[in-house]
PDB file of N, CA and C in Angstrom:
ATOM      1  N   UNK A   1       0.915  -1.552  -0.133  1.00  0.00           N
ATOM      2  CA  UNK A   1       0.305   0.237  -0.168  1.00  0.00           C
ATOM      3  C   UNK A   1       0.840   1.238  -0.105  1.00  0.00           C
ATOM      4  N   UNK A   2       0.289   2.232  -0.695  1.00  0.00           N
ATOM      5  CA  UNK A   2       1.105   3.918  -0.706  1.00  0.00           C
ATOM      6  C   UNK A   2       1.152   4.198   0.777  1.00  0.00           C
ATOM      7  N   UNK A   3       2.093   5.036   0.728  1.00  0.00           N
ATOM      8  CA  UNK A   3       2.317   5.975   2.343  1.00  0.00           C
ATOM      9  C   UNK A   3       0.974   6.344   2.793  1.00  0.00           C
ATOM     10  N   UNK A   4       0.873   7.215   1.618  1.00  0.00           N
ATOM     11  CA  UNK A   4      -0.886   7.894   1.869  1.00  0.00           C
ATOM     12  C   UNK A   4      -1.869   7.163   2.782  1.00  0.00           C
ATOM     13  N   UNK A   5      -1.462   5.793   2.216  1.00  0.00           N
ATOM     14  CA  UNK A   5      -2.679   5.069   2.969  1.00  0.00           C
ATOM     15  C   UNK A   5      -2.673   4.436   4.104  1.00  0.00           C
ATOM     16  N   UNK A   6      -1.335   4.362   4.561  1.00  0.00           N
ATOM     17  CA  UNK A   6      -1.160   4.075   5.972  1.00  0.00           C
ATOM     18  C   UNK A   6      -1.290   5.570   6.742  1.00  0.00           C
ATOM     19  N   UNK A   7      -0.847   6.617   6.341  1.00  0.00           N
ATOM     20  CA  UNK A   7      -0.665   7.705   7.234  1.00  0.00           C
ATOM     21  C   UNK A   7      -2.261   8.326   7.190  1.00  0.00           C
ATOM     22  N   UNK A   8      -2.984   7.674   6.299  1.00  0.00           N
ATOM     23  CA  UNK A   8      -4.590   7.687   6.805  1.00  0.00           C
ATOM     24  C   UNK A   8      -5.368   7.026   7.757  1.00  0.00           C
ATOM     25  N   UNK A   9      -4.759   5.955   7.436  1.00  0.00           N
ATOM     26  CA  UNK A   9      -4.950   4.391   8.646  1.00  0.00           C
ATOM     27  C   UNK A   9      -4.405   5.305  10.190  1.00  0.00           C
ATOM     28  N   UNK A  10      -2.909   5.728  10.019  1.00  0.00           N
ATOM     29  CA  UNK A  10      -2.675   6.506  11.584  1.00  0.00           C
ATOM     30  C   UNK A  10      -3.640   7.576  12.160  1.00  0.00           C
ATOM     31  N   UNK A  11      -4.421   8.163  10.916  1.00  0.00           N
ATOM     32  CA  UNK A  11      -4.755   9.246  11.789  1.00  0.00           C
ATOM     33  C   UNK A  11      -6.245   8.944  12.088  1.00  0.00           C
ATOM     34  N   UNK A  12      -6.826   7.841  11.268  1.00  0.00           N
ATOM     35  CA  UNK A  12      -8.174   7.426  11.669  1.00  0.00           C
ATOM     36  C   UNK A  12      -8.000   6.574  13.004  1.00  0.00           C
ATOM     37  N   UNK A  13      -7.120   6.074  12.959  1.00  0.00           N
ATOM     38  CA  UNK A  13      -6.800   5.355  14.298  1.00  0.00           C
ATOM     39  C   UNK A  13      -6.327   5.867  15.854  1.00  0.00           C
ATOM     40  N   UNK A  14      -6.242   7.593  15.594  1.00  0.00           N
ATOM     41  CA  UNK A  14      -5.825   8.423  15.940  1.00  0.00           C
ATOM     42  C   UNK A  14      -7.171   9.105  16.537  1.00  0.00           C
ATOM     43  N   UNK A  15      -7.667   9.242  15.738  1.00  0.00           N
ATOM     44  CA  UNK A  15      -9.386   9.704  15.974  1.00  0.00           C
ATOM     45  C   UNK A  15     -10.546   8.682  16.896  1.00  0.00           C
ATOM     46  N   UNK A  16     -10.320   7.371  16.351  1.00  0.00           N
ATOM     47  CA  UNK A  16     -10.883   6.156  17.098  1.00  0.00           C
ATOM     48  C   UNK A  16     -10.346   6.315  18.837  1.00  0.00           C
ATOM     49  N   UNK A  17      -8.752   6.447  18.508  1.00  0.00           N
ATOM     50  CA  UNK A  17      -8.332   6.388  20.315  1.00  0.00           C
ATOM     51  C   UNK A  17      -9.071   7.684  20.809  1.00  0.00           C
ATOM     52  N   UNK A  18      -8.837   8.395  20.299  1.00  0.00           N
ATOM     53  CA  UNK A  18      -9.614   9.767  21.205  1.00  0.00           C
ATOM     54  C   UNK A  18     -10.457   9.757  21.563  1.00  0.00           C
ATOM     55  N   UNK A  19     -11.273   9.055  20.604  1.00  0.00           N
ATOM     56  CA  UNK A  19     -13.007   9.359  20.852  1.00  0.00           C
ATOM     57  C   UNK A  19     -13.618   8.182  21.696  1.00  0.00           C
ATOM     58  N   UNK A  20     -12.544   7.393  21.542  1.00  0.00           N
ATOM     59  CA  UNK A  20     -12.713   6.261  22.920  1.00  0.00           C
ATOM     60  C   UNK A  20     -12.001   6.358  24.158  1.00  0.00           C
ATOM     61  N   UNK A  21     -11.293   6.925  24.420  1.00  0.00           N
ATOM     62  CA  UNK A  21     -10.819   7.619  25.302  1.00  0.00           C
ATOM     63  C   UNK A  21     -11.336   8.776  26.322  1.00  0.00           C
ATOM     64  N   UNK A  22     -12.010   9.636  25.236  1.00  0.00           N
ATOM     65  CA  UNK A  22     -12.959  10.626  25.628  1.00  0.00           C
ATOM     66  C   UNK A  22     -14.082   9.964  26.293  1.00  0.00           C
ATOM     67  N   UNK A  23     -14.805   8.782  25.826  1.00  0.00           N
ATOM     68  CA  UNK A  23     -16.297   8.252  26.436  1.00  0.00           C
ATOM     69  C   UNK A  23     -15.471   7.348  27.698  1.00  0.00           C
ATOM     70  N   UNK A  24     -14.290   7.609  27.466  1.00  0.00           N
ATOM     71  CA  UNK A  24     -13.705   6.202  28.979  1.00  0.00           C
ATOM     72  C   UNK A  24     -13.664   7.116  30.382  1.00  0.00           C
ATOM     73  N   UNK A  25     -13.094   8.663  29.773  1.00  0.00           N
ATOM     74  CA  UNK A  25     -12.883   9.541  30.839  1.00  0.00           C
ATOM     75  C   UNK A  25     -14.319  10.015  31.215  1.00  0.00           C
ATOM     76  N   UNK A  26     -15.049   9.939  30.485  1.00  0.00           N
ATOM     77  CA  UNK A  26     -16.598  10.660  30.521  1.00  0.00           C
ATOM     78  C   UNK A  26     -17.741   9.698  31.605  1.00  0.00           C
ATOM     79  N   UNK A  27     -17.181   8.373  30.957  1.00  0.00           N
ATOM     80  CA  UNK A  27     -17.984   7.194  31.871  1.00  0.00           C
ATOM     81  C   UNK A  27     -17.313   6.944  33.226  1.00  0.00           C
ATOM     82  N   UNK A  28     -16.263   7.143  33.177  1.00  0.00           N
ATOM     83  CA  UNK A  28     -15.526   7.257  34.670  1.00  0.00           C
ATOM     84  C   UNK A  28     -16.432   8.389  35.735  1.00  0.00           C
ATOM     85  N   UNK A  29     -16.542   9.409  35.117  1.00  0.00           N
ATOM     86  CA  UNK A  29     -17.044  10.594  36.083  1.00  0.00           C
ATOM     87  C   UNK A  29     -18.664  10.615  36.278  1.00  0.00           C
ATOM     88  N   UNK A  30     -19.168   9.222  35.887  1.00  0.00           N
ATOM     89  CA  UNK A  30     -20.935   9.157  35.503  1.00  0.00           C
ATOM     90  C   UNK A  30     -20.975   8.287  37.018  1.00  0.00           C
ATOM     91  N   UNK A  31     -22.517   8.651  37.188  1.00  0.00           N
ATOM     92  CA  UNK A  31     -22.687   8.018  38.704  1.00  0.00           C
ATOM     93  C   UNK A  31     -22.368   6.469  38.704  1.00  0.00           C
ATOM     94  N   UNK A  32     -22.443   5.842  37.959  1.00  0.00           N
ATOM     95  CA  UNK A  32     -22.116   4.209  37.761  1.00  0.00           C
ATOM     96  C   UNK A  32     -20.754   4.546  38.165  1.00  0.00           C
ATOM     97  N   UNK A  33     -19.749   5.123  37.505  1.00  0.00           N
ATOM     98  CA  UNK A  33     -18.175   5.095  37.620  1.00  0.00           C
ATOM     99  C   UNK A  33     -17.751   4.189  36.814  1.00  0.00           C
ATOM    100  N   UNK A  34     -18.314   3.775  35.571  1.00  0.00           N
ATOM    101  CA  UNK A  34     -18.068   2.365  33.937  1.00  0.00           C
ATOM    102  C   UNK A  34     -18.479   3.569  33.102  1.00  0.00           C
ATOM    103  N   UNK A  35     -17.382   3.332  32.578  1.00  0.00           N
ATOM    104  CA  UNK A  35     -17.880   3.799  30.930  1.00  0.00           C
ATOM    105  C   UNK A  35     -18.505   2.313  30.039  1.00  0.00           C
ATOM    106  N   UNK A  36     -18.841   3.188  29.029  1.00  0.00           N
ATOM    107  CA  UNK A  36     -19.941   1.844  28.112  1.00  0.00           C
ATOM    108  C   UNK A  36     -18.734   1.157  27.530  1.00  0.00           C
ATOM    109  N   UNK A  37     -19.057  -0.107  27.035  1.00  0.00           N
ATOM    110  CA  UNK A  37     -18.159  -1.004  26.870  1.00  0.00           C
ATOM    111  C   UNK A  37     -17.244  -0.913  25.508  1.00  0.00           C
ATOM    112  N   UNK A  38     -18.677  -0.152  24.548  1.00  0.00           N
ATOM    113  CA  UNK A  38     -17.915   0.625  23.523  1.00  0.00           C
ATOM    114  C   UNK A  38     -17.014   1.436  23.120  1.00  0.00           C
ATOM    115  N   UNK A  39     -16.774   2.166  24.347  1.00  0.00           N
ATOM    116  CA  UNK A  39     -15.425   3.041  24.222  1.00  0.00           C
ATOM    117  C   UNK A  39     -14.488   2.669  24.316  1.00  0.00           C
ATOM    118  N   UNK A  40     -13.949   1.504  25.333  1.00  0.00           N
ATOM    119  CA  UNK A  40     -13.244   0.566  25.383  1.00  0.00           C
ATOM    120  C   UNK A  40     -12.763   0.008  24.348  1.00  0.00           C
ATOM    121  N   UNK A  41     -13.762  -0.841  23.668  1.00  0.00           N
ATOM    122  CA  UNK A  41     -13.540  -1.347  22.235  1.00  0.00           C
ATOM    123  C   UNK A  41     -12.759  -0.302  20.867  1.00  0.00           C
ATOM    124  N   UNK A  42     -13.514   0.980  21.292  1.00  0.00           N
ATOM    125  CA  UNK A  42     -12.884   2.205  20.521  1.00  0.00           C
ATOM    126  C   UNK A  42     -11.607   2.498  20.661  1.00  0.00           C
ATOM    127  N   UNK A  43     -11.085   2.325  22.155  1.00  0.00           N
ATOM    128  CA  UNK A  43     -10.353   2.785  22.462  1.00  0.00           C
ATOM    129  C   UNK A  43      -8.840   1.830  21.822  1.00  0.00           C
ATOM    130  N   UNK A  44      -9.252   0.535  22.348  1.00  0.00           N
ATOM    131  CA  UNK A  44      -8.290  -0.380  21.558  1.00  0.00           C
ATOM    132  C   UNK A  44      -8.403  -0.737  20.336  1.00  0.00           C
ATOM    133  N   UNK A  45      -9.258  -0.456  19.408  1.00  0.00           N
ATOM    134  CA  UNK A  45      -9.073  -0.444  18.038  1.00  0.00           C
ATOM    135  C   UNK A  45      -8.078   0.950  17.576  1.00  0.00           C
ATOM    136  N   UNK A  46      -8.543   1.951  17.893  1.00  0.00           N
ATOM    137  CA  UNK A  46      -7.690   2.880  17.698  1.00  0.00           C
ATOM    138  C   UNK A  46      -6.336   2.382  18.177  1.00  0.00           C
ATOM    139  N   UNK A  47      -5.459   2.223  18.812  1.00  0.00           N
ATOM    140  CA  UNK A  47      -4.501   1.779  19.320  1.00  0.00           C
ATOM    141  C   UNK A  47      -3.990   0.800  18.352  1.00  0.00           C
ATOM    142  N   UNK A  48      -4.537  -0.174  17.865  1.00  0.00           N
ATOM    143  CA  UNK A  48      -4.124  -1.297  17.040  1.00  0.00           C
ATOM    144  C   UNK A  48      -4.437  -0.754  15.613  1.00  0.00           C
ATOM    145  N   UNK A  49      -5.116   0.427  15.167  1.00  0.00           N
ATOM    146  CA  UNK A  49      -5.469   0.456  13.572  1.00  0.00           C
ATOM    147  C   UNK A  49      -3.698   2.028  13.366  1.00  0.00           C
ATOM    148  N   UNK A  50      -3.634   2.605  14.589  1.00  0.00           N
ATOM    149  CA  UNK A  50      -2.434   3.563  15.125  1.00  0.00           C
ATOM    150  C   UNK A  50      -0.942   2.767  14.537  1.00  0.00           C
ATOM    151  N   UNK A  51      -1.139   1.297  15.211  1.00  0.00           N
ATOM    152  CA  UNK A  51      -0.109   0.863  15.426  1.00  0.00           C
ATOM    153  C   UNK A  51       0.433   0.515  13.834  1.00  0.00           C
ATOM    154  N   UNK A  52      -0.811  -0.403  13.137  1.00  0.00           N
ATOM    155  CA  UNK A  52      -0.394  -0.830  11.533  1.00  0.00           C
ATOM    156  C   UNK A  52      -0.295   0.172  10.624  1.00  0.00           C
ATOM    157  N   UNK A  53      -0.732   1.562  10.951  1.00  0.00           N
ATOM    158  CA  UNK A  53      -0.622   2.492   9.882  1.00  0.00           C
ATOM    159  C   UNK A  53       0.813   2.931  10.506  1.00  0.00           C
ATOM    160  N   UNK A  54       0.960   3.207  11.543  1.00  0.00           N
ATOM    161  CA  UNK A  54       2.709   3.577  12.149  1.00  0.00           C
ATOM    162  C   UNK A  54       3.789   2.250  11.471  1.00  0.00           C
ATOM    163  N   UNK A  55       3.541   1.582  11.489  1.00  0.00           N
ATOM    164  CA  UNK A  55       4.082   0.545  10.994  1.00  0.00           C
ATOM    165  C   UNK A  55       4.366   0.507   9.625  1.00  0.00           C
ATOM    166  N   UNK A  56       3.504   0.243   9.326  1.00  0.00           N
ATOM    167  CA  UNK A  56       3.470   0.835   7.348  1.00  0.00           C
ATOM    168  C   UNK A  56       4.261   2.060   6.642  1.00  0.00           C
ATOM    169  N   UNK A  57       3.746   3.209   7.675  1.00  0.00           N
ATOM    170  CA  UNK A  57       5.007   4.190   7.047  1.00  0.00           C
ATOM    171  C   UNK A  57       5.876   3.747   7.461  1.00  0.00           C
ATOM    172  N   UNK A  58       6.431   3.623   8.488  1.00  0.00           N
ATOM    173  CA  UNK A  58       7.798   2.990   8.765  1.00  0.00           C
ATOM    174  C   UNK A  58       8.675   2.299   7.542  1.00  0.00           C
ATOM    175  N   UNK A  59       7.891   1.434   7.273  1.00  0.00           N
ATOM    176  CA  UNK A  59       8.194   0.744   6.088  1.00  0.00           C
ATOM    177  C   UNK A  59       8.552   1.457   4.660  1.00  0.00           C
ATOM    178  N   UNK A  60       7.104   2.303   4.681  1.00  0.00           N
ATOM    179  CA  UNK A  60       7.304   2.776   3.466  1.00  0.00           C
ATOM    180  C   UNK A  60       8.701   4.234   3.611  1.00  0.00           C
ATOM    181  N   UNK A  61       8.890   4.406   4.151  1.00  0.00           N
ATOM    182  CA  UNK A  61      10.202   5.312   4.599  1.00  0.00           C
ATOM    183  C   UNK A  61      11.452   4.853   4.529  1.00  0.00           C
ATOM    184  N   UNK A  62      11.714   3.547   5.070  1.00  0.00           N
ATOM    185  CA  UNK A  62      12.762   2.867   4.994  1.00  0.00           C
ATOM    186  C   UNK A  62      13.447   2.921   6.295  1.00  0.00           C
ATOM    187  N   UNK A  63      12.566   3.103   7.561  1.00  0.00           N
ATOM    188  CA  UNK A  63      13.340   3.394   8.462  1.00  0.00           C
ATOM    189  C   UNK A  63      13.303   1.762   9.207  1.00  0.00           C
ATOM    190  N   UNK A  64      14.883   1.352   9.822  1.00  0.00           N
ATOM    191  CA  UNK A  64      14.893   0.190   9.979  1.00  0.00           C
ATOM    192  C   UNK A  64      15.289   0.095  11.539  1.00  0.00           C
ATOM    193  N   UNK A  65      15.712  -1.029  12.456  1.00  0.00           N
ATOM    194  CA  UNK A  65      16.494  -1.300  13.584  1.00  0.00           C
ATOM    195  C   UNK A  65      17.739  -0.641  13.407  1.00  0.00           C
ATOM    196  N   UNK A  66      18.243   0.510  14.106  1.00  0.00           N
ATOM    197  CA  UNK A  66      17.757   0.787  15.238  1.00  0.00           C
ATOM    198  C   UNK A  66      17.095   2.384  14.671  1.00  0.00           C
ATOM    199  N   UNK A  67      15.614   2.150  15.797  1.00  0.00           N
ATOM    200  CA  UNK A  67      14.746   3.466  15.370  1.00  0.00           C
ATOM    201  C   UNK A  67      15.198   4.345  15.593  1.00  0.00           C
ATOM    202  N   UNK A  68      15.343   5.582  15.004  1.00  0.00           N
ATOM    203  CA  UNK A  68      15.569   7.203  15.613  1.00  0.00           C
ATOM    204  C   UNK A  68      14.966   7.356  16.699  1.00  0.00           C
ATOM    205  N   UNK A  69      15.757   8.536  17.968  1.00  0.00           N
ATOM    206  CA  UNK A  69      15.340   8.357  18.923  1.00  0.00           C
ATOM    207  C   UNK A  69      13.648   9.198  19.218  1.00  0.00           C
ATOM    208  N   UNK A  70      13.284   9.627  18.214  1.00  0.00           N
ATOM    209  CA  UNK A  70      12.284  10.436  17.653  1.00  0.00           C
ATOM    210  C   UNK A  70      10.760   8.853  17.846  1.00  0.00           C
ATOM    211  N   UNK A  71      11.170   8.525  17.316  1.00  0.00           N
ATOM    212  CA  UNK A  71       9.979   7.387  17.202  1.00  0.00           C
ATOM    213  C   UNK A  71      10.097   6.521  18.052  1.00  0.00           C
ATOM    214  N   UNK A  72      11.436   6.435  18.943  1.00  0.00           N
ATOM    215  CA  UNK A  72      11.182   5.643  19.906  1.00  0.00           C
ATOM    216  C   UNK A  72      10.642   6.207  21.247  1.00  0.00           C
ATOM    217  N   UNK A  73      10.405   7.731  21.233  1.00  0.00           N
ATOM    218  CA  UNK A  73       9.430   8.540  22.049  1.00  0.00           C
ATOM    219  C   UNK A  73       8.148   8.060  21.779  1.00  0.00           C
ATOM    220  N   UNK A  74       7.793   8.213  20.479  1.00  0.00           N
ATOM    221  CA  UNK A  74       6.511   7.981  20.057  1.00  0.00           C
ATOM    222  C   UNK A  74       6.035   6.708  20.558  1.00  0.00           C
ATOM    223  N   UNK A  75       6.814   5.618  20.410  1.00  0.00           N
ATOM    224  CA  UNK A  75       6.263   4.197  21.383  1.00  0.00           C
ATOM    225  C   UNK A  75       5.429   4.447  22.303  1.00  0.00           C
ATOM    226  N   UNK A  76       6.655   5.422  23.482  1.00  0.00           N
ATOM    227  CA  UNK A  76       6.571   5.481  24.401  1.00  0.00           C
ATOM    228  C   UNK A  76       5.116   6.288  24.781  1.00  0.00           C
ATOM    229  N   UNK A  77       4.944   7.139  23.802  1.00  0.00           N
ATOM    230  CA  UNK A  77       3.567   8.048  24.141  1.00  0.00           C
ATOM    231  C   UNK A  77       2.314   7.482  23.975  1.00  0.00           C
ATOM    232  N   UNK A  78       2.482   6.191  22.558  1.00  0.00           N
ATOM    233  CA  UNK A  78       1.233   5.471  22.608  1.00  0.00           C
ATOM    234  C   UNK A  78       1.304   4.714  23.437  1.00  0.00           C
ATOM    235  N   UNK A  79       2.234   3.753  23.943  1.00  0.00           N
ATOM    236  CA  UNK A  79       1.759   3.200  25.569  1.00  0.00           C
ATOM    237  C   UNK A  79       1.419   3.762  26.469  1.00  0.00           C
ATOM    238  N   UNK A  80       1.823   4.948  27.346  1.00  0.00           N
ATOM    239  CA  UNK A  80       1.187   5.802  28.153  1.00  0.00           C
ATOM    240  C   UNK A  80      -0.140   6.154  27.822  1.00  0.00           C
ATOM    241  N   UNK A  81      -0.184   6.401  26.610  1.00  0.00           N
ATOM    242  CA  UNK A  81      -1.951   6.919  25.774  1.00  0.00           C
ATOM    243  C   UNK A  81      -2.820   5.612  25.912  1.00  0.00           C
ATOM    244  N   UNK A  82      -2.327   4.285  25.690  1.00  0.00           N
ATOM    245  CA  UNK A  82      -3.098   3.158  25.723  1.00  0.00           C
ATOM    246  C   UNK A  82      -3.643   2.799  27.107  1.00  0.00           C
ATOM    247  N   UNK A  83      -2.625   2.769  28.483  1.00  0.00           N
ATOM    248  CA  UNK A  83      -2.845   2.796  29.657  1.00  0.00           C
ATOM    249  C   UNK A  83      -3.482   3.689  30.472  1.00  0.00           C
ATOM    250  N   UNK A  84      -3.874   4.643  30.039  1.00  0.00           N
ATOM    251  CA  UNK A  84      -4.194   5.770  30.368  1.00  0.00           C
ATOM    252  C   UNK A  84      -5.436   5.692  31.148  1.00  0.00           C
ATOM    253  N   UNK A  85      -6.779   5.121  30.419  1.00  0.00           N
ATOM    254  CA  UNK A  85      -8.248   4.455  30.655  1.00  0.00           C
ATOM    255  C   UNK A  85      -7.856   3.783  32.068  1.00  0.00           C
ATOM    256  N   UNK A  86      -7.239   2.980  32.133  1.00  0.00           N
ATOM    257  CA  UNK A  86      -7.103   1.551  32.925  1.00  0.00           C
ATOM    258  C   UNK A  86      -6.224   2.869  34.163  1.00  0.00           C
ATOM    259  N   UNK A  87      -4.888   3.707  33.988  1.00  0.00           N
ATOM    260  CA  UNK A  87      -4.855   4.656  35.430  1.00  0.00           C
ATOM    261  C   UNK A  87      -5.865   5.371  35.800  1.00  0.00           C
ATOM    262  N   UNK A  88      -6.852   5.629  35.200  1.00  0.00           N
ATOM    263  CA  UNK A  88      -7.902   6.337  35.482  1.00  0.00           C
ATOM    264  C   UNK A  88      -9.162   5.455  36.745  1.00  0.00           C
ATOM    265  N   UNK A  89      -9.622   4.705  35.642  1.00  0.00           N
ATOM    266  CA  UNK A  89     -10.093   3.857  36.106  1.00  0.00           C
ATOM    267  C   UNK A  89     -10.005   3.223  37.697  1.00  0.00           C
ATOM    268  N   UNK A  90      -8.471   2.635  37.560  1.00  0.00           N
ATOM    269  CA  UNK A  90      -8.040   2.749  39.109  1.00  0.00           C
ATOM    270  C   UNK A  90      -7.475   3.629  40.241  1.00  0.00           C
ATOM    271  N   UNK A  91      -8.393   4.293  39.285  1.00  0.00           N
ATOM    272  CA  UNK A  91      -8.373   6.012  40.380  1.00  0.00           C
ATOM    273  C   UNK A  91      -6.970   6.341  41.020  1.00  0.00           C
ATOM    274  N   UNK A  92      -5.958   5.995  40.137  1.00  0.00           N
ATOM    275  CA  UNK A  92      -4.279   6.053  40.416  1.00  0.00           C
ATOM    276  C   UNK A  92      -3.496   7.684  40.020  1.00  0.00           C
ATOM    277  N   UNK A  93      -5.010   8.553  39.429  1.00  0.00           N
ATOM    278  CA  UNK A  93      -5.036   9.578  38.926  1.00  0.00           C
ATOM    279  C   UNK A  93      -5.966  10.665  39.003  1.00  0.00           C
ATOM    280  N   UNK A  94      -6.153  11.550  39.218  1.00  0.00           N
ATOM    281  CA  UNK A  94      -7.848  12.121  38.963  1.00  0.00           C
ATOM    282  C   UNK A  94      -7.913  12.455  37.155  1.00  0.00           C
ATOM    283  N   UNK A  95      -9.528  12.513  36.979  1.00  0.00           N
ATOM    284  CA  UNK A  95      -9.778  12.711  35.551  1.00  0.00           C
ATOM    285  C   UNK A  95      -9.475  13.902  35.221  1.00  0.00           C
ATOM    286  N   UNK A  96      -9.696  15.211  35.881  1.00  0.00           N
ATOM    287  CA  UNK A  96      -8.915  16.145  35.265  1.00  0.00           C
ATOM    288  C   UNK A  96      -7.594  16.042  34.687  1.00  0.00           C
ATOM    289  N   UNK A  97      -6.289  15.779  35.273  1.00  0.00           N
ATOM    290  CA  UNK A  97      -5.475  15.801  35.088  1.00  0.00           C
ATOM    291  C   UNK A  97      -5.067  14.262  34.009  1.00  0.00           C
ATOM    292  N   UNK A  98      -5.935  13.393  33.905  1.00  0.00           N
ATOM    293  CA  UNK A  98      -5.638  13.019  32.966  1.00  0.00           C
ATOM    294  C   UNK A  98      -6.648  13.063  31.774  1.00  0.00           C
ATOM    295  N   UNK A  99      -7.430  14.344  31.260  1.00  0.00           N
ATOM    296  CA  UNK A  99      -7.458  15.079  30.056  1.00  0.00           C
ATOM    297  C   UNK A  99      -6.174  15.798  30.124  1.00  0.00           C
ATOM    298  N   UNK A 100      -5.746  16.314  31.100  1.00  0.00           N
ATOM    299  CA  UNK A 100      -4.774  17.270  30.621  1.00  0.00           C
ATOM    300  C   UNK A 100      -3.453  16.268  30.147  1.00  0.00           C
ATOM    301  N   UNK A 101      -2.958  14.936  30.692  1.00  0.00           N
ATOM    302  CA  UNK A 101      -2.304  14.166  29.969  1.00  0.00           C
ATOM    303  C   UNK A 101      -2.518  13.866  29.007  1.00  0.00           C
ATOM    304  N   UNK A 102      -3.582  13.429  28.420  1.00  0.00           N
ATOM    305  CA  UNK A 102      -4.249  13.357  26.779  1.00  0.00           C
ATOM    306  C   UNK A 102      -3.696  14.064  26.032  1.00  0.00           C
ATOM    307  N   UNK A 103      -4.507  15.421  26.322  1.00  0.00           N
ATOM    308  CA  UNK A 103      -4.138  16.244  25.589  1.00  0.00           C
ATOM    309  C   UNK A 103      -2.736  16.712  25.191  1.00  0.00           C
ATOM    310  N   UNK A 104      -1.633  16.691  26.233  1.00  0.00           N
ATOM    311  CA  UNK A 104      -0.294  16.610  26.352  1.00  0.00           C
ATOM    312  C   UNK A 104       0.405  16.020  25.519  1.00  0.00           C
ATOM    313  N   UNK A 105      -0.287  14.741  25.621  1.00  0.00           N
ATOM    314  CA  UNK A 105       0.754  13.220  24.909  1.00  0.00           C
ATOM    315  C   UNK A 105      -0.029  13.481  23.352  1.00  0.00           C
ATOM    316  N   UNK A 106      -1.055  13.731  23.179  1.00  0.00           N
ATOM    317  CA  UNK A 106      -1.433  14.124  21.875  1.00  0.00           C
ATOM    318  C   UNK A 106      -0.255  15.020  21.320  1.00  0.00           C
ATOM    319  N   UNK A 107      -0.206  16.303  21.965  1.00  0.00           N
ATOM    320  CA  UNK A 107       0.546  16.903  21.065  1.00  0.00           C
ATOM    321  C   UNK A 107       2.276  16.701  20.894  1.00  0.00           C
ATOM    322  N   UNK A 108       2.253  16.229  22.133  1.00  0.00           N
ATOM    323  CA  UNK A 108       3.785  15.903  22.040  1.00  0.00           C
ATOM    324  C   UNK A 108       4.303  14.743  20.875  1.00  0.00           C
ATOM    325  N   UNK A 109       3.264  13.671  20.747  1.00  0.00           N
ATOM    326  CA  UNK A 109       3.750  13.027  19.624  1.00  0.00           C
ATOM    327  C   UNK A 109       3.480  13.464  18.454  1.00  0.00           C
ATOM    328  N   UNK A 110       2.276  14.599  17.997  1.00  0.00           N
ATOM    329  CA  UNK A 110       2.246  15.223  17.052  1.00  0.00           C
ATOM    330  C   UNK A 110       3.891  15.931  16.684  1.00  0.00           C
ATOM    331  N   UNK A 111       3.849  16.813  17.488  1.00  0.00           N
ATOM    332  CA  UNK A 111       5.414  17.641  17.405  1.00  0.00           C
ATOM    333  C   UNK A 111       6.559  16.709  17.259  1.00  0.00           C
ATOM    334  N   UNK A 112       6.711  15.274  17.615  1.00  0.00           N
ATOM    335  CA  UNK A 112       7.569  14.400  17.457  1.00  0.00           C
ATOM    336  C   UNK A 112       7.839  13.584  15.939  1.00  0.00           C
ATOM    337  N   UNK A 113       6.147  13.768  15.583  1.00  0.00           N
ATOM    338  CA  UNK A 113       6.157  13.282  13.797  1.00  0.00           C
ATOM    339  C   UNK A 113       6.492  14.295  12.893  1.00  0.00           C
ATOM    340  N   UNK A 114       6.517  15.669  13.572  1.00  0.00           N
ATOM    341  CA  UNK A 114       6.593  16.594  12.696  1.00  0.00           C
ATOM    342  C   UNK A 114       8.036  17.170  12.649  1.00  0.00           C
ATOM    343  N   UNK A 115       8.435  17.281  13.760  1.00  0.00           N
ATOM    344  CA  UNK A 115       9.710  17.769  13.853  1.00  0.00           C
ATOM    345  C   UNK A 115      10.621  16.802  13.775  1.00  0.00           C
ATOM    346  N   UNK A 116      10.703  15.649  14.377  1.00  0.00           N
ATOM    347  CA  UNK A 116      11.469  14.152  13.851  1.00  0.00           C
ATOM    348  C   UNK A 116      12.993  15.205  15.038  1.00  0.00           C
ATOM    349  N   UNK A 117      12.778  15.597  15.848  1.00  0.00           N
ATOM    350  CA  UNK A 117      14.121  16.344  16.818  1.00  0.00           C
ATOM    351  C   UNK A 117      15.135  15.676  16.879  1.00  0.00           C
ATOM    352  N   UNK A 118      15.007  14.057  17.221  1.00  0.00           N
ATOM    353  CA  UNK A 118      16.143  13.362  17.491  1.00  0.00           C
ATOM    354  C   UNK A 118      16.678  11.742  17.007  1.00  0.00           C
TER     355      UNK A 118
END
């Protein structure tokens, strides 16, 4: 597949990821204290689609091991965003802080992808 297809997959995965995470964070604030199951599925599918799109772009760009530092940092951001709903559900961090962390991590990932600083 062409690079642009993988990039589109990556962006669609990003949309699914943040849609699911928003639902998870809002559901944790509800009186039941649980988010609908569909939001967890959206979050997980978004993570998977982003991963497929990201590895496809890496292949099209010819990036091989050892990965550049910006890409390793993006993997760390991906893992952290993936774990964020679980951390909130277990009440390890407050919901308001989780919203801020999600926005900062999303911005960091975008900056790393655009500027490739290291």
